[in-house]
Amino acid sequence: MTGRLEGKVALISGAAKGQGEAEARLFIAEGAAVVLGDILDEQGAAVAASLGDRARYVHLDVSSQDDWVQAVRTATDSFGGLDVLINNAGIIRMGMMADVSLDDYMSVINVNQVGCWLGMKSASTVMRTGGSIINISSMNGVIPGAGIMSYVASKFAIRGMTKAAALELGHKGIRVNSIHPGAILTDMARAGLGRIEGNPLAGLPIPRIGEPEEVARLALFLASDESSYSTGSEFVIDGGWLITPALL
């Protein structure tokens, strides 16, 4: 099946690499026009250039309301509207609670949590009926982890905000869902797995790390009309981590 996003316009944050880049490439292949936002301007612009005329790059610090306004305007001015938002940008700061400064804690909250809220607030004002907002949370938005409290807090918040937004935006014909990846082959996952002794992935029902393209395919389903009766829901893609007692 191809053309599953034909005629749709998507805005993806954190799209210069990793999951965001994979989503952008797949969405273009499926017929969408895509605005890629990131703070990695050189990388993001190069990805957009490689995707052709249906892609645009915009500098997007997700903690900046002004940047969100410009990103949404780029979508509407360049492609005539907005149908899909993926709040993909995120950071992690590692350290036990006693060792983490307030500034470090708030840096994660401002990007992961506030950035998601600003994205939903900005996009939903112009999003067309039938729109879809996809918030990238984490399996750590379902279960906690030691030494990443700010990350856990932000990802739990995204899970809750998703459900609240689904209630608020349903009357406008906008669906809101969250994706909860486990270990995916990105820079962030490499940093997190490096803190764990041994190879925890060996104990998974699917005993390997996930690929960004696998998350992108789930996002494609949620962005498309195939998921037209799903809203306020969480979609886990973790190789079975959350059902493996030895890893919890």
Protein backbone atom coordinates (compact mmCIF):
# COMPACT_ATOMS: atom_id res chain seq x y z
CA MET A 1 0.00 0.00 0.00
CA THR A 2 1.31 3.43 -0.95
CA GLY A 3 -0.07 6.93 -0.85
CA ARG A 4 -1.51 6.50 2.64
CA LEU A 5 -0.87 10.19 3.39
CA GLU A 6 -1.66 11.59 -0.04
CA GLY A 7 -2.71 15.24 0.26
CA LYS A 8 -1.77 15.56 3.94
CA VAL A 9 0.67 18.04 5.45
CA ALA A 10 2.79 17.04 8.44
CA LEU A 11 4.98 18.97 10.87
CA ILE A 12 7.61 16.89 12.69
CA SER A 13 9.84 18.21 15.46
CA GLY A 14 13.27 16.73 16.08
CA ALA A 15 13.37 15.68 12.44
CA ALA A 16 17.07 16.16 11.66
CA LYS A 17 17.97 12.60 12.67
CA GLY A 18 16.76 9.42 14.35
CA GLN A 19 13.06 8.72 14.62
CA GLY A 20 12.07 12.15 13.34
CA GLU A 21 14.11 11.75 10.17
CA ALA A 22 12.72 8.25 9.62
CA GLU A 23 9.18 9.58 10.00
CA ALA A 24 9.83 12.41 7.57
CA ARG A 25 11.26 10.07 4.93
CA LEU A 26 8.39 7.60 5.25
CA PHE A 27 5.73 10.30 5.21
CA ILE A 28 7.19 11.80 2.03
CA ALA A 29 7.22 8.32 0.45
CA GLU A 30 3.54 7.95 1.37
CA GLY A 31 2.52 11.18 -0.35
CA ALA A 32 2.64 13.79 2.41
CA ALA A 33 4.26 17.20 2.38
CA VAL A 34 6.46 17.59 5.45
CA VAL A 35 7.88 20.46 7.46
CA LEU A 36 10.93 19.29 9.39
CA GLY A 37 11.77 21.20 12.56
CA ASP A 38 14.94 20.96 14.63
CA ILE A 39 17.73 22.98 16.20
CA LEU A 40 20.34 21.05 14.19
CA ASP A 41 20.03 23.41 11.26
CA GLU A 42 22.69 22.02 8.95
CA GLN A 43 21.55 18.41 9.37
CA GLY A 44 17.88 19.28 9.16
CA ALA A 45 18.27 21.37 6.05
CA ALA A 46 20.24 18.58 4.39
CA VAL A 47 17.54 16.03 5.17
CA ALA A 48 14.84 18.35 3.80
CA ALA A 49 16.86 19.02 0.65
CA SER A 50 17.22 15.29 0.07
CA LEU A 51 13.43 14.87 0.22
CA GLY A 52 12.59 17.23 -2.61
CA ASP A 53 9.94 19.87 -3.23
CA ARG A 54 7.45 18.49 -0.70
CA ALA A 55 9.80 19.11 2.23
CA ARG A 56 10.77 22.27 4.08
CA TYR A 57 13.12 22.79 7.00
CA VAL A 58 12.55 25.32 9.78
CA HIS A 59 14.58 26.08 12.88
CA LEU A 60 12.46 24.88 15.78
CA ASP A 61 13.43 25.14 19.42
CA VAL A 62 10.36 23.39 20.81
CA SER A 63 10.56 25.36 24.08
CA SER A 64 10.01 28.60 22.12
CA GLN A 65 6.44 29.64 21.36
CA ASP A 66 7.67 31.98 18.63
CA ASP A 67 9.47 29.11 16.89
CA TRP A 68 6.30 27.04 16.96
CA VAL A 69 4.29 29.88 15.44
CA GLN A 70 6.83 30.13 12.62
CA ALA A 71 6.88 26.36 12.05
CA VAL A 72 3.10 26.18 11.78
CA ARG A 73 3.10 29.21 9.47
CA THR A 74 5.68 27.50 7.26
CA ALA A 75 3.34 24.53 6.88
CA THR A 76 0.30 26.62 6.04
CA ASP A 77 2.11 29.09 3.78
CA SER A 78 4.11 26.43 1.90
CA PHE A 79 1.52 23.68 1.61
CA GLY A 80 -1.88 25.23 2.34
CA GLY A 81 -2.71 23.63 5.66
CA LEU A 82 -1.74 21.23 8.41
CA ASP A 83 -3.06 17.73 9.07
CA VAL A 84 -0.46 15.95 11.19
CA LEU A 85 1.80 16.98 14.06
CA ILE A 86 4.46 14.70 15.52
CA ASN A 87 5.94 15.96 18.77
CA ASN A 88 9.12 13.97 18.42
CA ALA A 89 11.85 16.25 19.85
CA GLY A 90 13.20 15.21 23.22
CA ILE A 91 16.27 15.18 25.45
CA ILE A 92 17.48 13.26 28.49
CA ARG A 93 19.68 14.25 31.42
CA MET A 94 20.98 11.38 33.52
CA GLY A 95 21.78 11.47 37.21
CA MET A 96 20.30 10.52 40.55
CA MET A 97 17.90 13.05 42.07
CA ALA A 98 20.37 14.26 44.72
CA ASP A 99 22.95 15.06 42.06
CA VAL A 100 20.77 16.83 39.48
CA SER A 101 20.47 20.61 39.50
CA LEU A 102 17.18 22.40 39.10
CA ASP A 103 18.43 23.88 35.83
CA ASP A 104 19.17 20.42 34.43
CA TYR A 105 15.80 19.12 35.60
CA MET A 106 13.93 22.03 34.04
CA SER A 107 15.86 21.79 30.78
CA VAL A 108 14.29 18.37 30.21
CA ILE A 109 10.82 19.50 31.29
CA ASN A 110 10.99 22.54 29.02
CA VAL A 111 11.91 20.53 25.93
CA ASN A 112 9.98 17.31 26.45
CA GLN A 113 6.86 18.46 28.30
CA VAL A 114 6.45 22.16 27.59
CA GLY A 115 7.60 21.63 24.00
CA CYS A 116 4.89 19.03 23.48
CA TRP A 117 2.26 21.32 24.97
CA LEU A 118 3.35 24.25 22.81
CA GLY A 119 3.28 22.06 19.74
CA MET A 120 -0.27 20.88 20.40
CA LYS A 121 -1.41 24.41 21.29
CA SER A 122 0.10 25.93 18.16
CA ALA A 123 -0.86 23.25 15.64
CA SER A 124 -4.39 22.61 16.84
CA THR A 125 -5.46 26.20 16.08
CA VAL A 126 -4.98 25.65 12.33
CA MET A 127 -5.21 21.87 11.94
CA ARG A 128 -7.82 20.67 9.49
CA THR A 129 -10.70 18.39 10.42
CA GLY A 130 -9.48 14.81 10.43
CA GLY A 131 -6.12 15.90 11.81
CA SER A 132 -3.86 13.75 13.93
CA ILE A 133 -1.47 14.73 16.71
CA ILE A 134 1.11 12.10 17.65
CA ASN A 135 3.11 12.66 20.81
CA ILE A 136 6.27 10.61 21.25
CA SER A 137 6.46 9.55 24.89
CA SER A 138 8.46 6.51 26.01
CA MET A 139 8.07 3.22 27.81
CA ASN A 140 9.32 5.40 30.69
CA GLY A 141 6.01 7.19 30.40
CA VAL A 142 4.46 3.91 31.58
CA ILE A 143 7.10 2.63 34.01
CA PRO A 144 9.75 4.69 35.83
CA GLY A 145 13.50 4.34 35.79
CA ALA A 146 16.10 5.38 38.36
CA GLY A 147 18.55 8.12 37.46
CA ILE A 148 16.32 9.71 34.82
CA MET A 149 13.64 11.34 36.96
CA SER A 150 13.17 14.45 34.81
CA TYR A 151 12.82 12.29 31.71
CA VAL A 152 10.31 10.01 33.45
CA ALA A 153 8.32 13.00 34.69
CA SER A 154 8.19 14.54 31.23
CA LYS A 155 7.19 11.32 29.52
CA PHE A 156 4.46 10.54 32.06
CA ALA A 157 3.25 14.10 31.49
CA ILE A 158 3.10 13.58 27.74
CA ARG A 159 0.99 10.48 28.29
CA GLY A 160 -1.48 12.45 30.42
CA MET A 161 -1.50 15.54 28.21
CA THR A 162 -2.27 13.34 25.23
CA LYS A 163 -5.46 12.07 26.86
CA ALA A 164 -6.50 15.55 28.01
CA ALA A 165 -5.90 16.98 24.53
CA ALA A 166 -7.91 14.17 22.96
CA LEU A 167 -10.88 15.23 25.11
CA GLU A 168 -10.43 18.89 24.21
CA LEU A 169 -9.86 18.47 20.48
CA GLY A 170 -12.25 15.67 19.59
CA HIS A 171 -15.05 18.11 18.79
CA LYS A 172 -12.75 19.70 16.19
CA GLY A 173 -12.20 16.35 14.51
CA ILE A 174 -8.60 16.10 15.73
CA ARG A 175 -7.27 12.83 17.16
CA VAL A 176 -4.44 12.75 19.71
CA ASN A 177 -2.42 9.63 20.55
CA SER A 178 0.93 8.82 22.11
CA ILE A 179 3.67 6.41 21.06
CA HIS A 180 5.81 4.77 23.75
CA PRO A 181 9.05 3.40 22.28
CA GLY A 182 11.41 1.15 24.17
CA ALA A 183 15.03 0.80 23.12
CA ILE A 184 15.28 2.24 19.61
CA LEU A 185 18.54 2.65 17.70
CA THR A 186 19.08 6.35 18.41
CA ASP A 187 21.72 8.38 20.22
CA MET A 188 19.42 8.70 23.24
CA ALA A 189 18.85 4.96 23.53
CA ARG A 190 22.56 4.26 23.25
CA ALA A 191 23.18 6.59 26.18
CA GLY A 192 20.46 4.97 28.26
CA LEU A 193 21.48 1.39 27.54
CA GLY A 194 25.05 2.26 28.40
CA ARG A 195 23.96 2.67 32.01
CA ILE A 196 22.70 -0.93 32.27
CA GLU A 197 25.03 -3.83 32.95
CA GLY A 198 24.96 -6.69 30.50
CA ASN A 199 22.58 -6.86 27.57
CA PRO A 200 18.97 -6.36 28.74
CA LEU A 201 17.68 -6.74 25.19
CA ALA A 202 18.65 -10.42 25.19
CA GLY A 203 15.79 -11.09 27.61
CA LEU A 204 13.09 -9.46 25.48
CA PRO A 205 10.46 -11.50 23.63
CA ILE A 206 11.85 -9.73 20.56
CA PRO A 207 15.52 -9.82 21.62
CA ARG A 208 16.97 -6.89 19.71
CA ILE A 209 16.98 -3.13 19.58
CA GLY A 210 14.24 -1.45 17.58
CA GLU A 211 14.80 0.54 14.41
CA PRO A 212 13.64 4.14 13.92
CA GLU A 213 11.79 2.98 10.81
CA GLU A 214 9.65 0.68 12.97
CA VAL A 215 8.49 3.62 15.06
CA ALA A 216 7.89 5.58 11.86
CA ARG A 217 5.57 2.89 10.56
CA LEU A 218 3.50 3.10 13.74
CA ALA A 219 3.40 6.88 13.38
CA LEU A 220 2.27 6.42 9.78
CA PHE A 221 -0.71 4.36 10.94
CA LEU A 222 -1.69 7.02 13.48
CA ALA A 223 -1.23 9.83 10.95
CA SER A 224 -3.34 8.09 8.33
CA ASP A 225 -7.10 7.69 8.13
CA GLU A 226 -6.63 4.01 8.96
CA SER A 227 -6.59 4.96 12.65
CA SER A 228 -9.71 7.14 12.40
CA TYR A 229 -11.34 5.62 15.52
CA SER A 230 -8.27 5.85 17.79
CA THR A 231 -7.78 8.79 20.10
CA GLY A 232 -6.49 9.34 23.63
CA SER A 233 -4.65 6.05 23.42
CA GLU A 234 -1.09 4.91 24.01
CA PHE A 235 0.71 2.67 21.54
CA VAL A 236 3.70 0.78 22.94
CA ILE A 237 6.55 -0.33 20.68
CA ASP A 238 9.17 -1.88 22.94
CA GLY A 239 9.90 -5.43 21.82
CA GLY A 240 7.97 -6.68 24.84
CA TRP A 241 10.05 -4.86 27.49
CA LEU A 242 6.99 -3.92 29.57
CA ILE A 243 5.77 -7.52 29.79
CA THR A 244 9.16 -8.97 30.76
CA PRO A 245 9.18 -9.25 34.60
CA ALA A 246 12.97 -9.59 34.92
CA LEU A 247 13.45 -6.20 33.27
CA LEU A 248 10.92 -4.25 35.35
